[in-house]
Amino acid sequence: MDTTELRSAYGRLLDAAAIPDLGDADDGGWNADEILAHLLSVDAATAAMALGVVAGARPAFDNRVTLDTWNLGRIIAEHSGRADLIDHVRSQAAVLCDIADRLNEQAASVLVPTLLLSNDEVVLDGPMPLSSLIDGLAENHVPGHTRQLLDLRTAPGKP
């Protein structure tokens, strides 16, 4: 697989995450730390799934644990602050991309049973090629969270 787009998407996300004084979401959504914790969880699950495919296992992808507030809080608590979360996202994204770079066409085309939720709505419940799951991170998932982070910028004069 070619992870050029995914690596670029993560570069933009990490730049956004490093913006000082990111506030809280106006709609009560995730703050920057929760977004980063979610990404860590998604990346670990995706890397584990890809390695499972390579090992000959038949893994499934279910993103519910990556949305669980308790799990996000646990991940945040394991880090010493935003900079530590950013460093971990950077290194884990590199691991995921390194794994994806090494997937051959046969492994990348393996259909993975997938359950994806967003805002308590089922987005996908069915098989998806492993490559599509990884490409989806670059095309939608990471850019979407980059926009979320940018929306957390505090306006000048805003408390």
Foldseek 3Di string as FASTA:
>chain_A
DDCPLVLVLLVLLLVLLPDPPQAAFPVRDDGSLLLLLLLLVVLVQLQVCLVCLVVVHQAAEESPCSVDPVSSVVSSVVAPDSVRSSVSSNVSSVSSNVSVVPDDPVSQQDWHQYWDDDPNHTPDGGTDGSVCVSVCCSVPVSNVVSVVSNSRDADVVRD
